[in-house]
PDB file of N, CA and C in Angstrom:
ATOM      1  N   MET A   1      82.857  88.258  55.908  1.00  0.00           N
ATOM      2  CA  MET A   1      81.549  88.389  56.500  1.00  0.00           C
ATOM      3  C   MET A   1      81.648  88.582  58.012  1.00  0.00           C
ATOM      4  N   SER A   2      82.719  88.120  58.631  1.00  0.00           N
ATOM      5  CA  SER A   2      82.875  88.259  60.088  1.00  0.00           C
ATOM      6  C   SER A   2      82.963  89.715  60.504  1.00  0.00           C
ATOM      7  N   TRP A   3      83.533  90.567  59.663  1.00  0.00           N
ATOM      8  CA  TRP A   3      83.629  91.988  60.008  1.00  0.00           C
ATOM      9  C   TRP A   3      82.236  92.612  60.098  1.00  0.00           C
ATOM     10  N   LEU A   4      81.342  92.194  59.177  1.00  0.00           N
ATOM     11  CA  LEU A   4      79.977  92.699  59.195  1.00  0.00           C
ATOM     12  C   LEU A   4      79.233  92.180  60.441  1.00  0.00           C
ATOM     13  N   TRP A   5      79.509  90.930  60.796  1.00  0.00           N
ATOM     14  CA  TRP A   5      78.917  90.347  62.003  1.00  0.00           C
ATOM     15  C   TRP A   5      79.316  91.169  63.237  1.00  0.00           C
ATOM     16  N   ARG A   6      80.589  91.534  63.320  1.00  0.00           N
ATOM     17  CA  ARG A   6      81.062  92.328  64.464  1.00  0.00           C
ATOM     18  C   ARG A   6      80.397  93.705  64.490  1.00  0.00           C
ATOM     19  N   VAL A   7      80.150  94.271  63.318  1.00  0.00           N
ATOM     20  CA  VAL A   7      79.459  95.558  63.258  1.00  0.00           C
ATOM     21  C   VAL A   7      78.037  95.409  63.803  1.00  0.00           C
ATOM     22  N   PHE A   8      77.341  94.372  63.362  1.00  0.00           N
ATOM     23  CA  PHE A   8      75.967  94.150  63.806  1.00  0.00           C
ATOM     24  C   PHE A   8      75.893  93.767  65.283  1.00  0.00           C
ATOM     25  N   LEU A   9      76.961  93.175  65.815  1.00  0.00           N
ATOM     26  CA  LEU A   9      76.977  92.845  67.237  1.00  0.00           C
ATOM     27  C   LEU A   9      76.851  94.092  68.111  1.00  0.00           C
ATOM     28  N   ARG A  10      77.175  95.240  67.543  1.00  0.00           N
ATOM     29  CA  ARG A  10      77.075  96.484  68.301  1.00  0.00           C
ATOM     30  C   ARG A  10      75.625  96.844  68.626  1.00  0.00           C
ATOM     31  N   LEU A  11      74.683  96.139  68.010  1.00  0.00           N
ATOM     32  CA  LEU A  11      73.279  96.348  68.358  1.00  0.00           C
ATOM     33  C   LEU A  11      72.980  95.853  69.773  1.00  0.00           C
ATOM     34  N   TYR A  12      73.761  94.872  70.234  1.00  0.00           N
ATOM     35  CA  TYR A  12      73.576  94.362  71.592  1.00  0.00           C
ATOM     36  C   TYR A  12      74.104  95.378  72.595  1.00  0.00           C
ATOM     37  N   PRO A  13      73.574  95.381  73.819  1.00  0.00           N
ATOM     38  CA  PRO A  13      74.143  96.240  74.859  1.00  0.00           C
ATOM     39  C   PRO A  13      75.607  95.869  75.109  1.00  0.00           C
ATOM     40  N   ARG A  14      76.397  96.857  75.496  1.00  0.00           N
ATOM     41  CA  ARG A  14      77.835  96.654  75.662  1.00  0.00           C
ATOM     42  C   ARG A  14      78.143  95.504  76.622  1.00  0.00           C
ATOM     43  N   GLU A  15      77.435  95.418  77.745  1.00  0.00           N
ATOM     44  CA  GLU A  15      77.711  94.355  78.716  1.00  0.00           C
ATOM     45  C   GLU A  15      77.525  92.979  78.084  1.00  0.00           C
ATOM     46  N   HIS A  16      76.495  92.850  77.262  1.00  0.00           N
ATOM     47  CA  HIS A  16      76.227  91.576  76.596  1.00  0.00           C
ATOM     48  C   HIS A  16      77.340  91.263  75.597  1.00  0.00           C
ATOM     49  N   ARG A  17      77.747  92.266  74.831  1.00  0.00           N
ATOM     50  CA  ARG A  17      78.829  92.056  73.859  1.00  0.00           C
ATOM     51  C   ARG A  17      80.112  91.635  74.553  1.00  0.00           C
ATOM     52  N   GLU A  18      80.431  92.306  75.661  1.00  0.00           N
ATOM     53  CA  GLU A  18      81.666  91.976  76.378  1.00  0.00           C
ATOM     54  C   GLU A  18      81.630  90.558  76.926  1.00  0.00           C
ATOM     55  N   GLN A  19      80.471  90.122  77.354  1.00  0.00           N
ATOM     56  CA  GLN A  19      80.358  88.794  77.933  1.00  0.00           C
ATOM     57  C   GLN A  19      80.279  87.694  76.871  1.00  0.00           C
ATOM     58  N   PHE A  20      79.536  87.929  75.787  1.00  0.00           N
ATOM     59  CA  PHE A  20      79.280  86.863  74.820  1.00  0.00           C
ATOM     60  C   PHE A  20      79.779  87.142  73.410  1.00  0.00           C
ATOM     61  N   GLY A  21      80.249  88.349  73.125  1.00  0.00           N
ATOM     62  CA  GLY A  21      80.587  88.738  71.758  1.00  0.00           C
ATOM     63  C   GLY A  21      81.630  87.860  71.095  1.00  0.00           C
ATOM     64  N   ALA A  22      82.730  87.562  71.796  1.00  0.00           N
ATOM     65  CA  ALA A  22      83.795  86.744  71.207  1.00  0.00           C
ATOM     66  C   ALA A  22      83.289  85.354  70.866  1.00  0.00           C
ATOM     67  N   GLU A  23      82.520  84.783  71.765  1.00  0.00           N
ATOM     68  CA  GLU A  23      81.975  83.445  71.524  1.00  0.00           C
ATOM     69  C   GLU A  23      80.984  83.455  70.367  1.00  0.00           C
ATOM     70  N   MET A  24      80.126  84.476  70.321  1.00  0.00           N
ATOM     71  CA  MET A  24      79.155  84.570  69.232  1.00  0.00           C
ATOM     72  C   MET A  24      79.857  84.715  67.887  1.00  0.00           C
ATOM     73  N   THR A  25      80.919  85.516  67.847  1.00  0.00           N
ATOM     74  CA  THR A  25      81.678  85.707  66.608  1.00  0.00           C
ATOM     75  C   THR A  25      82.357  84.418  66.177  1.00  0.00           C
ATOM     76  N   ALA A  26      82.943  83.688  67.131  1.00  0.00           N
ATOM     77  CA  ALA A  26      83.619  82.432  66.812  1.00  0.00           C
ATOM     78  C   ALA A  26      82.639  81.391  66.280  1.00  0.00           C
ATOM     79  N   VAL A  27      81.477  81.314  66.903  1.00  0.00           N
ATOM     80  CA  VAL A  27      80.467  80.346  66.453  1.00  0.00           C
ATOM     81  C   VAL A  27      79.963  80.714  65.061  1.00  0.00           C
ATOM     82  N   PHE A  28      79.735  82.013  64.832  1.00  0.00           N
ATOM     83  CA  PHE A  28      79.276  82.460  63.515  1.00  0.00           C
ATOM     84  C   PHE A  28      80.317  82.109  62.445  1.00  0.00           C
ATOM     85  N   ALA A  29      81.586  82.422  62.720  1.00  0.00           N
ATOM     86  CA  ALA A  29      82.649  82.165  61.738  1.00  0.00           C
ATOM     87  C   ALA A  29      82.774  80.676  61.436  1.00  0.00           C
ATOM     88  N   ALA A  30      82.723  79.843  62.476  1.00  0.00           N
ATOM     89  CA  ALA A  30      82.837  78.394  62.270  1.00  0.00           C
ATOM     90  C   ALA A  30      81.656  77.870  61.455  1.00  0.00           C
ATOM     91  N   ALA A  31      80.449  78.314  61.777  1.00  0.00           N
ATOM     92  CA  ALA A  31      79.270  77.848  61.048  1.00  0.00           C
ATOM     93  C   ALA A  31      79.271  78.361  59.611  1.00  0.00           C
ATOM     94  N   ALA A  32      79.729  79.597  59.402  1.00  0.00           N
ATOM     95  CA  ALA A  32      79.782  80.160  58.047  1.00  0.00           C
ATOM     96  C   ALA A  32      80.779  79.387  57.184  1.00  0.00           C
ATOM     97  N   ASN A  33      81.891  78.958  57.782  1.00  0.00           N
ATOM     98  CA  ASN A  33      82.902  78.211  57.025  1.00  0.00           C
ATOM     99  C   ASN A  33      82.414  76.829  56.606  1.00  0.00           C
ATOM    100  N   GLU A  34      81.410  76.315  57.301  1.00  0.00           N
ATOM    101  CA  GLU A  34      80.869  75.005  56.945  1.00  0.00           C
ATOM    102  C   GLU A  34      79.946  75.074  55.741  1.00  0.00           C
ATOM    103  N   ARG A  35      79.503  76.256  55.376  1.00  0.00           N
ATOM    104  CA  ARG A  35      78.568  76.419  54.264  1.00  0.00           C
ATOM    105  C   ARG A  35      79.343  76.410  52.946  1.00  0.00           C
ATOM    106  N   ARG A  36      78.784  75.715  51.981  1.00  0.00           N
ATOM    107  CA  ARG A  36      79.410  75.623  50.657  1.00  0.00           C
ATOM    108  C   ARG A  36      78.489  76.269  49.638  1.00  0.00           C
ATOM    109  N   GLY A  37      79.043  76.994  48.732  1.00  0.00           N
ATOM    110  CA  GLY A  37      78.260  77.637  47.686  1.00  0.00           C
ATOM    111  C   GLY A  37      77.722  78.974  48.163  1.00  0.00           C
ATOM    112  N   TRP A  38      77.605  79.880  47.222  1.00  0.00           N
ATOM    113  CA  TRP A  38      77.210  81.237  47.586  1.00  0.00           C
ATOM    114  C   TRP A  38      75.756  81.316  48.037  1.00  0.00           C
ATOM    115  N   ARG A  39      74.875  80.469  47.463  1.00  0.00           N
ATOM    116  CA  ARG A  39      73.464  80.494  47.880  1.00  0.00           C
ATOM    117  C   ARG A  39      73.299  80.026  49.327  1.00  0.00           C
ATOM    118  N   GLU A  40      73.974  78.946  49.652  1.00  0.00           N
ATOM    119  CA  GLU A  40      73.886  78.417  51.011  1.00  0.00           C
ATOM    120  C   GLU A  40      74.456  79.420  52.023  1.00  0.00           C
ATOM    121  N   ARG A  41      75.567  80.049  51.653  1.00  0.00           N
ATOM    122  CA  ARG A  41      76.163  81.057  52.547  1.00  0.00           C
ATOM    123  C   ARG A  41      75.261  82.285  52.685  1.00  0.00           C
ATOM    124  N   LEU A  42      74.672  82.714  51.586  1.00  0.00           N
ATOM    125  CA  LEU A  42      73.784  83.872  51.618  1.00  0.00           C
ATOM    126  C   LEU A  42      72.567  83.589  52.494  1.00  0.00           C
ATOM    127  N   TRP A  43      71.947  82.421  52.320  1.00  0.00           N
ATOM    128  CA  TRP A  43      70.795  82.046  53.121  1.00  0.00           C
ATOM    129  C   TRP A  43      71.176  81.950  54.606  1.00  0.00           C
ATOM    130  N   PHE A  44      72.327  81.366  54.887  1.00  0.00           N
ATOM    131  CA  PHE A  44      72.813  81.252  56.266  1.00  0.00           C
ATOM    132  C   PHE A  44      73.005  82.636  56.877  1.00  0.00           C
ATOM    133  N   CYS A  45      73.654  83.526  56.152  1.00  0.00           N
ATOM    134  CA  CYS A  45      73.910  84.875  56.673  1.00  0.00           C
ATOM    135  C   CYS A  45      72.607  85.635  56.904  1.00  0.00           C
ATOM    136  N   ALA A  46      71.669  85.500  55.995  1.00  0.00           N
ATOM    137  CA  ALA A  46      70.383  86.189  56.164  1.00  0.00           C
ATOM    138  C   ALA A  46      69.687  85.723  57.433  1.00  0.00           C
ATOM    139  N   ARG A  47      69.662  84.410  57.663  1.00  0.00           N
ATOM    140  CA  ARG A  47      69.029  83.880  58.880  1.00  0.00           C
ATOM    141  C   ARG A  47      69.771  84.337  60.128  1.00  0.00           C
ATOM    142  N   GLU A  48      71.089  84.290  60.084  1.00  0.00           N
ATOM    143  CA  GLU A  48      71.882  84.658  61.262  1.00  0.00           C
ATOM    144  C   GLU A  48      71.762  86.145  61.585  1.00  0.00           C
ATOM    145  N   PHE A  49      71.782  86.994  60.564  1.00  0.00           N
ATOM    146  CA  PHE A  49      71.660  88.432  60.815  1.00  0.00           C
ATOM    147  C   PHE A  49      70.254  88.775  61.321  1.00  0.00           C
ATOM    148  N   ALA A  50      69.241  88.101  60.792  1.00  0.00           N
ATOM    149  CA  ALA A  50      67.879  88.321  61.302  1.00  0.00           C
ATOM    150  C   ALA A  50      67.787  87.890  62.759  1.00  0.00           C
ATOM    151  N   GLY A  51      68.398  86.765  63.086  1.00  0.00           N
ATOM    152  CA  GLY A  51      68.419  86.301  64.471  1.00  0.00           C
ATOM    153  C   GLY A  51      69.192  87.235  65.376  1.00  0.00           C
ATOM    154  N   LEU A  52      70.287  87.777  64.866  1.00  0.00           N
ATOM    155  CA  LEU A  52      71.079  88.727  65.650  1.00  0.00           C
ATOM    156  C   LEU A  52      70.278  89.981  65.946  1.00  0.00           C
ATOM    157  N   ILE A  53      69.579  90.502  64.963  1.00  0.00           N
ATOM    158  CA  ILE A  53      68.785  91.720  65.157  1.00  0.00           C
ATOM    159  C   ILE A  53      67.657  91.469  66.148  1.00  0.00           C
ATOM    160  N   SER A  54      66.948  90.350  66.003  1.00  0.00           N
ATOM    161  CA  SER A  54      65.856  90.074  66.941  1.00  0.00           C
ATOM    162  C   SER A  54      66.390  89.786  68.334  1.00  0.00           C
ATOM    163  N   GLY A  55      67.522  89.118  68.436  1.00  0.00           N
ATOM    164  CA  GLY A  55      68.125  88.853  69.745  1.00  0.00           C
ATOM    165  C   GLY A  55      68.584  90.124  70.426  1.00  0.00           C
ATOM    166  N   ALA A  56      69.177  91.032  69.659  1.00  0.00           N
ATOM    167  CA  ALA A  56      69.636  92.306  70.223  1.00  0.00           C
ATOM    168  C   ALA A  56      68.446  93.141  70.688  1.00  0.00           C
ATOM    169  N   THR A  57      67.383  93.131  69.909  1.00  0.00           N
ATOM    170  CA  THR A  57      66.187  93.872  70.300  1.00  0.00           C
ATOM    171  C   THR A  57      65.603  93.300  71.583  1.00  0.00           C
ATOM    172  N   ALA A  58      65.501  91.986  71.655  1.00  0.00           N
ATOM    173  CA  ALA A  58      64.964  91.338  72.858  1.00  0.00           C
ATOM    174  C   ALA A  58      65.834  91.627  74.070  1.00  0.00           C
ATOM    175  N   GLU A  59      67.139  91.602  73.898  1.00  0.00           N
ATOM    176  CA  GLU A  59      68.057  91.871  75.007  1.00  0.00           C
ATOM    177  C   GLU A  59      67.922  93.307  75.492  1.00  0.00           C
ATOM    178  N   ARG A  60      67.766  94.231  74.579  1.00  0.00           N
ATOM    179  CA  ARG A  60      67.591  95.632  74.991  1.00  0.00           C
ATOM    180  C   ARG A  60      66.275  95.825  75.741  1.00  0.00           C
ATOM    181  N   PHE A  61      65.203  95.184  75.279  1.00  0.00           N
ATOM    182  CA  PHE A  61      63.926  95.289  75.986  1.00  0.00           C
ATOM    183  C   PHE A  61      63.992  94.590  77.342  1.00  0.00           C
ATOM    184  N   ARG A  62      64.739  93.491  77.417  1.00  0.00           N
ATOM    185  CA  ARG A  62      64.857  92.779  78.682  1.00  0.00           C
ATOM    186  C   ARG A  62      65.574  93.645  79.706  1.00  0.00           C
ATOM    187  N   ARG A  63      66.589  94.354  79.274  1.00  0.00           N
ATOM    188  CA  ARG A  63      67.352  95.210  80.184  1.00  0.00           C
ATOM    189  C   ARG A  63      66.654  96.525  80.472  1.00  0.00           C
ATOM    190  N   ASN A  64      65.927  97.043  79.494  1.00  0.00           N
ATOM    191  CA  ASN A  64      65.219  98.317  79.648  1.00  0.00           C
ATOM    192  C   ASN A  64      63.778  98.140  79.198  1.00  0.00           C
ATOM    193  N   PRO A  65      62.933  97.525  80.027  1.00  0.00           N
ATOM    194  CA  PRO A  65      61.551  97.313  79.587  1.00  0.00           C
ATOM    195  C   PRO A  65      60.844  98.638  79.367  1.00  0.00           C
ATOM    196  N   PRO A  66      59.950  98.686  78.380  1.00  0.00           N
ATOM    197  CA  PRO A  66      59.225  99.925  78.126  1.00  0.00           C
ATOM    198  C   PRO A  66      58.349 100.285  79.325  1.00  0.00           C
ATOM    199  N   VAL A  67      58.229 101.562  79.569  1.00  0.00           N
ATOM    200  CA  VAL A  67      57.402 102.040  80.677  1.00  0.00           C
ATOM    201  C   VAL A  67      55.952 102.075  80.204  1.00  0.00           C
ATOM    202  N   VAL A  68      55.117 101.370  80.930  1.00  0.00           N
ATOM    203  CA  VAL A  68      53.699 101.338  80.604  1.00  0.00           C
ATOM    204  C   VAL A  68      52.971 102.070  81.725  1.00  0.00           C
ATOM    205  N   GLU A  69      52.292 103.119  81.358  1.00  0.00           N
ATOM    206  CA  GLU A  69      51.568 103.885  82.357  1.00  0.00           C
ATOM    207  C   GLU A  69      50.321 103.129  82.786  1.00  0.00           C
ATOM    208  N   ASP A  70      50.011 103.241  84.070  1.00  0.00           N
ATOM    209  CA  ASP A  70      48.794 102.648  84.598  1.00  0.00           C
ATOM    210  C   ASP A  70      47.617 103.441  84.059  1.00  0.00           C
ATOM    211  N   PRO A  71      46.636 102.763  83.444  1.00  0.00           N
ATOM    212  CA  PRO A  71      45.507 103.512  82.883  1.00  0.00           C
ATOM    213  C   PRO A  71      44.728 104.235  83.988  1.00  0.00           C
ATOM    214  N   SER A  72      44.135 105.311  83.620  1.00  0.00           N
ATOM    215  CA  SER A  72      43.350 106.100  84.568  1.00  0.00           C
ATOM    216  C   SER A  72      42.126 105.305  85.017  1.00  0.00           C
ATOM    217  N   PRO A  73      41.526 105.687  86.153  1.00  0.00           N
ATOM    218  CA  PRO A  73      40.316 104.993  86.598  1.00  0.00           C
ATOM    219  C   PRO A  73      39.203 105.044  85.556  1.00  0.00           C
ATOM    220  N   ALA A  74      39.093 106.154  84.837  1.00  0.00           N
ATOM    221  CA  ALA A  74      38.051 106.261  83.804  1.00  0.00           C
ATOM    222  C   ALA A  74      38.281 105.248  82.687  1.00  0.00           C
ATOM    223  N   VAL A  75      39.540 105.074  82.286  1.00  0.00           N
ATOM    224  CA  VAL A  75      39.850 104.110  81.217  1.00  0.00           C
ATOM    225  C   VAL A  75      39.562 102.689  81.698  1.00  0.00           C
ATOM    226  N   LYS A  76      39.928 102.399  82.937  1.00  0.00           N
ATOM    227  CA  LYS A  76      39.650 101.069  83.488  1.00  0.00           C
ATOM    228  C   LYS A  76      38.144 100.802  83.518  1.00  0.00           C
ATOM    229  N   LEU A  77      37.371 101.785  83.981  1.00  0.00           N
ATOM    230  CA  LEU A  77      35.918 101.608  84.039  1.00  0.00           C
ATOM    231  C   LEU A  77      35.320 101.448  82.648  1.00  0.00           C
ATOM    232  N   GLN A  78      35.809 102.215  81.676  1.00  0.00           N
ATOM    233  CA  GLN A  78      35.299 102.101  80.303  1.00  0.00           C
ATOM    234  C   GLN A  78      35.578 100.709  79.750  1.00  0.00           C
ATOM    235  N   THR A  79      36.746 100.163  80.038  1.00  0.00           N
ATOM    236  CA  THR A  79      37.083  98.810  79.598  1.00  0.00           C
ATOM    237  C   THR A  79      36.162  97.788  80.254  1.00  0.00           C
ATOM    238  N   GLN A  80      35.892  97.971  81.552  1.00  0.00           N
ATOM    239  CA  GLN A  80      34.980  97.067  82.241  1.00  0.00           C
ATOM    240  C   GLN A  80      33.572  97.137  81.648  1.00  0.00           C
ATOM    241  N   ILE A  81      33.133  98.337  81.310  1.00  0.00           N
ATOM    242  CA  ILE A  81      31.805  98.501  80.710  1.00  0.00           C
ATOM    243  C   ILE A  81      31.736  97.772  79.368  1.00  0.00           C
ATOM    244  N   GLU A  82      32.748  97.933  78.543  1.00  0.00           N
ATOM    245  CA  GLU A  82      32.758  97.270  77.237  1.00  0.00           C
ATOM    246  C   GLU A  82      32.762  95.750  77.382  1.00  0.00           C
ATOM    247  N   THR A  83      33.549  95.243  78.313  1.00  0.00           N
ATOM    248  CA  THR A  83      33.592  93.800  78.554  1.00  0.00           C
ATOM    249  C   THR A  83      32.245  93.303  79.053  1.00  0.00           C
ATOM    250  N   ASN A  84      31.665  94.049  79.988  1.00  0.00           N
ATOM    251  CA  ASN A  84      30.371  93.678  80.542  1.00  0.00           C
ATOM    252  C   ASN A  84      29.295  93.639  79.450  1.00  0.00           C
ATOM    253  N   LEU A  85      29.321  94.614  78.545  1.00  0.00           N
ATOM    254  CA  LEU A  85      28.338  94.628  77.452  1.00  0.00           C
ATOM    255  C   LEU A  85      28.481  93.408  76.549  1.00  0.00           C
ATOM    256  N   ARG A  86      29.727  93.015  76.252  1.00  0.00           N
ATOM    257  CA  ARG A  86      29.935  91.813  75.434  1.00  0.00           C
ATOM    258  C   ARG A  86      29.377  90.577  76.148  1.00  0.00           C
ATOM    259  N   ARG A  87      29.584  90.512  77.462  1.00  0.00           N
ATOM    260  CA  ARG A  87      29.055  89.380  78.224  1.00  0.00           C
ATOM    261  C   ARG A  87      27.524  89.384  78.214  1.00  0.00           C
ATOM    262  N   MET A  88      26.938  90.570  78.352  1.00  0.00           N
ATOM    263  CA  MET A  88      25.479  90.665  78.327  1.00  0.00           C
ATOM    264  C   MET A  88      24.937  90.222  76.965  1.00  0.00           C
ATOM    265  N   GLU A  89      25.550  90.670  75.883  1.00  0.00           N
ATOM    266  CA  GLU A  89      25.122  90.267  74.544  1.00  0.00           C
ATOM    267  C   GLU A  89      25.231  88.758  74.376  1.00  0.00           C
ATOM    268  N   HIS A  90      26.304  88.185  74.880  1.00  0.00           N
ATOM    269  CA  HIS A  90      26.500  86.737  74.775  1.00  0.00           C
ATOM    270  C   HIS A  90      25.411  86.001  75.557  1.00  0.00           C
ATOM    271  N   ALA A  91      25.108  86.501  76.753  1.00  0.00           N
ATOM    272  CA  ALA A  91      24.069  85.867  77.569  1.00  0.00           C
ATOM    273  C   ALA A  91      22.715  85.929  76.871  1.00  0.00           C
ATOM    274  N   ILE A  92      22.373  87.068  76.293  1.00  0.00           N
ATOM    275  CA  ILE A  92      21.094  87.204  75.583  1.00  0.00           C
ATOM    276  C   ILE A  92      21.056  86.272  74.366  1.00  0.00           C
ATOM    277  N   ALA A  93      22.145  86.237  73.613  1.00  0.00           N
ATOM    278  CA  ALA A  93      22.197  85.385  72.422  1.00  0.00           C
ATOM    279  C   ALA A  93      22.034  83.913  72.772  1.00  0.00           C
ATOM    280  N   ASN A  94      22.446  83.536  73.989  1.00  0.00           N
ATOM    281  CA  ASN A  94      22.349  82.135  74.411  1.00  0.00           C
ATOM    282  C   ASN A  94      21.168  81.890  75.348  1.00  0.00           C
ATOM    283  N   HIS A  95      20.213  82.837  75.364  1.00  0.00           N
ATOM    284  CA  HIS A  95      18.983  82.720  76.142  1.00  0.00           C
ATOM    285  C   HIS A  95      19.258  82.517  77.636  1.00  0.00           C
ATOM    286  N   GLN A  96      20.302  83.146  78.142  1.00  0.00           N
ATOM    287  CA  GLN A  96      20.632  83.107  79.572  1.00  0.00           C
ATOM    288  C   GLN A  96      20.178  84.442  80.173  1.00  0.00           C
ATOM    289  N   PHE A  97      18.866  84.589  80.335  1.00  0.00           N
ATOM    290  CA  PHE A  97      18.306  85.886  80.676  1.00  0.00           C
ATOM    291  C   PHE A  97      18.599  86.327  82.109  1.00  0.00           C
ATOM    292  N   GLU A  98      18.689  85.379  83.041  1.00  0.00           N
ATOM    293  CA  GLU A  98      19.066  85.757  84.411  1.00  0.00           C
ATOM    294  C   GLU A  98      20.472  86.357  84.425  1.00  0.00           C
ATOM    295  N   ARG A  99      21.365  85.723  83.700  1.00  0.00           N
ATOM    296  CA  ARG A  99      22.741  86.225  83.618  1.00  0.00           C
ATOM    297  C   ARG A  99      22.763  87.589  82.923  1.00  0.00           C
ATOM    298  N   ALA A 100      21.980  87.741  81.868  1.00  0.00           N
ATOM    299  CA  ALA A 100      21.908  89.017  81.159  1.00  0.00           C
ATOM    300  C   ALA A 100      21.378  90.109  82.082  1.00  0.00           C
ATOM    301  N   ARG A 101      20.406  89.782  82.921  1.00  0.00           N
ATOM    302  CA  ARG A 101      19.863  90.754  83.871  1.00  0.00           C
ATOM    303  C   ARG A 101      20.953  91.177  84.869  1.00  0.00           C
ATOM    304  N   PHE A 102      21.750  90.204  85.329  1.00  0.00           N
ATOM    305  CA  PHE A 102      22.856  90.520  86.230  1.00  0.00           C
ATOM    306  C   PHE A 102      23.815  91.502  85.561  1.00  0.00           C
ATOM    307  N   TYR A 103      24.174  91.232  84.307  1.00  0.00           N
ATOM    308  CA  TYR A 103      25.090  92.124  83.591  1.00  0.00           C
ATOM    309  C   TYR A 103      24.471  93.498  83.382  1.00  0.00           C
ATOM    310  N   SER A 104      23.155  93.550  83.217  1.00  0.00           N
ATOM    311  CA  SER A 104      22.472  94.833  83.062  1.00  0.00           C
ATOM    312  C   SER A 104      22.589  95.659  84.345  1.00  0.00           C
ATOM    313  N   TYR A 105      22.363  95.023  85.495  1.00  0.00           N
ATOM    314  CA  TYR A 105      22.505  95.724  86.770  1.00  0.00           C
ATOM    315  C   TYR A 105      23.953  96.167  86.993  1.00  0.00           C
ATOM    316  N   TYR A 106      24.870  95.277  86.641  1.00  0.00           N
ATOM    317  CA  TYR A 106      26.289  95.605  86.805  1.00  0.00           C
ATOM    318  C   TYR A 106      26.671  96.774  85.892  1.00  0.00           C
ATOM    319  N   ASP A 107      26.078  96.844  84.713  1.00  0.00           N
ATOM    320  CA  ASP A 107      26.329  97.947  83.790  1.00  0.00           C
ATOM    321  C   ASP A 107      25.903  99.275  84.419  1.00  0.00           C
ATOM    322  N   LEU A 108      24.744  99.280  85.065  1.00  0.00           N
ATOM    323  CA  LEU A 108      24.282 100.500  85.740  1.00  0.00           C
ATOM    324  C   LEU A 108      25.264 100.937  86.829  1.00  0.00           C
ATOM    325  N   LYS A 109      25.759  99.970  87.566  1.00  0.00           N
ATOM    326  CA  LYS A 109      26.716 100.266  88.640  1.00  0.00           C
ATOM    327  C   LYS A 109      28.015 100.845  88.065  1.00  0.00           C
ATOM    328  N   LEU A 110      28.529 100.230  87.018  1.00  0.00           N
ATOM    329  CA  LEU A 110      29.773 100.708  86.408  1.00  0.00           C
ATOM    330  C   LEU A 110      29.614 102.116  85.838  1.00  0.00           C
ATOM    331  N   ARG A 111      28.484 102.353  85.191  1.00  0.00           N
ATOM    332  CA  ARG A 111      28.251 103.681  84.601  1.00  0.00           C
ATOM    333  C   ARG A 111      28.106 104.751  85.687  1.00  0.00           C
ATOM    334  N   ALA A 112      27.520 104.395  86.817  1.00  0.00           N
ATOM    335  CA  ALA A 112      27.437 105.340  87.939  1.00  0.00           C
ATOM    336  C   ALA A 112      28.834 105.663  88.465  1.00  0.00           C
ATOM    337  N   GLN A 113      29.678 104.652  88.552  1.00  0.00           N
ATOM    338  CA  GLN A 113      31.066 104.873  88.991  1.00  0.00           C
ATOM    339  C   GLN A 113      31.801 105.770  88.000  1.00  0.00           C
ATOM    340  N   LEU A 114      31.577 105.538  86.709  1.00  0.00           N
ATOM    341  CA  LEU A 114      32.227 106.345  85.677  1.00  0.00           C
ATOM    342  C   LEU A 114      31.768 107.805  85.771  1.00  0.00           C
ATOM    343  N   ARG A 115      30.476 108.027  85.992  1.00  0.00           N
ATOM    344  CA  ARG A 115      29.981 109.400  86.164  1.00  0.00           C
ATOM    345  C   ARG A 115      30.628 110.073  87.372  1.00  0.00           C
ATOM    346  N   LYS A 116      30.778 109.329  88.475  1.00  0.00           N
ATOM    347  CA  LYS A 116      31.404 109.883  89.678  1.00  0.00           C
ATOM    348  C   LYS A 116      32.861 110.256  89.410  1.00  0.00           C
ATOM    349  N   VAL A 117      33.582 109.383  88.717  1.00  0.00           N
ATOM    350  CA  VAL A 117      34.981 109.686  88.378  1.00  0.00           C
ATOM    351  C   VAL A 117      35.041 110.933  87.499  1.00  0.00           C
ATOM    352  N   ALA A 118      34.130 111.039  86.536  1.00  0.00           N
ATOM    353  CA  ALA A 118      34.115 112.206  85.645  1.00  0.00           C
ATOM    354  C   ALA A 118      33.794 113.472  86.434  1.00  0.00           C
ATOM    355  N   GLU A 119      32.852 113.390  87.367  1.00  0.00           N
ATOM    356  CA  GLU A 119      32.514 114.556  88.193  1.00  0.00           C
ATOM    357  C   GLU A 119      33.696 114.956  89.077  1.00  0.00           C
ATOM    358  N   ASP A 120      34.339 113.968  89.706  1.00  0.00           N
ATOM    359  CA  ASP A 120      35.495 114.257  90.568  1.00  0.00           C
ATOM    360  C   ASP A 120      36.627 114.869  89.763  1.00  0.00           C
ATOM    361  N   HIS A 121      36.808 114.377  88.557  1.00  0.00           N
ATOM    362  CA  HIS A 121      37.867 114.910  87.698  1.00  0.00           C
ATOM    363  C   HIS A 121      37.541 116.346  87.283  1.00  0.00           C
ATOM    364  N   GLY A 122      36.262 116.617  87.034  1.00  0.00           N
ATOM    365  CA  GLY A 122      35.825 117.964  86.647  1.00  0.00           C
ATOM    366  C   GLY A 122      36.068 118.973  87.752  1.00  0.00           C
ATOM    367  N   ARG A 123      35.883 118.543  89.002  1.00  0.00           N
ATOM    368  CA  ARG A 123      36.123 119.437  90.131  1.00  0.00           C
ATOM    369  C   ARG A 123      37.602 119.657  90.364  1.00  0.00           C
ATOM    370  N   ALA A 124      38.412 118.642  90.079  1.00  0.00           N
ATOM    371  CA  ALA A 124      39.856 118.748  90.321  1.00  0.00           C
ATOM    372  C   ALA A 124      40.528 119.624  89.272  1.00  0.00           C
ATOM    373  N   ALA A 125      39.935 119.726  88.092  1.00  0.00           N
ATOM    374  CA  ALA A 125      40.574 120.457  87.000  1.00  0.00           C
ATOM    375  C   ALA A 125      40.451 121.938  87.133  1.00  0.00           C
TER     376      ALA A 125
END
């Protein structure tokens, strides 16, 4: 089973394998030898291989985080409008009419900003 463990270790980035691979293999082999019976060994290997795969995935993301693009101003404004509407609905449902009126005015302001962004984008295109 150690040969399969070494194969799966290749999922980790090379630097990580070089630094920790020998120790990880030794610990796996020692723990596997402590297991008695084929069911116990099978269950142990399944847990360890699942942990190895999730650990390798986490290590790769830690070293190379995914690139997240900054949302456009229009997307940000649309999100703000949706959030504001939920707050307004909540205020109305709880009879907080002054607060609901504030959210209504804020909604008008956000929608005006969204129209301006759309107009500016239309001219730039």
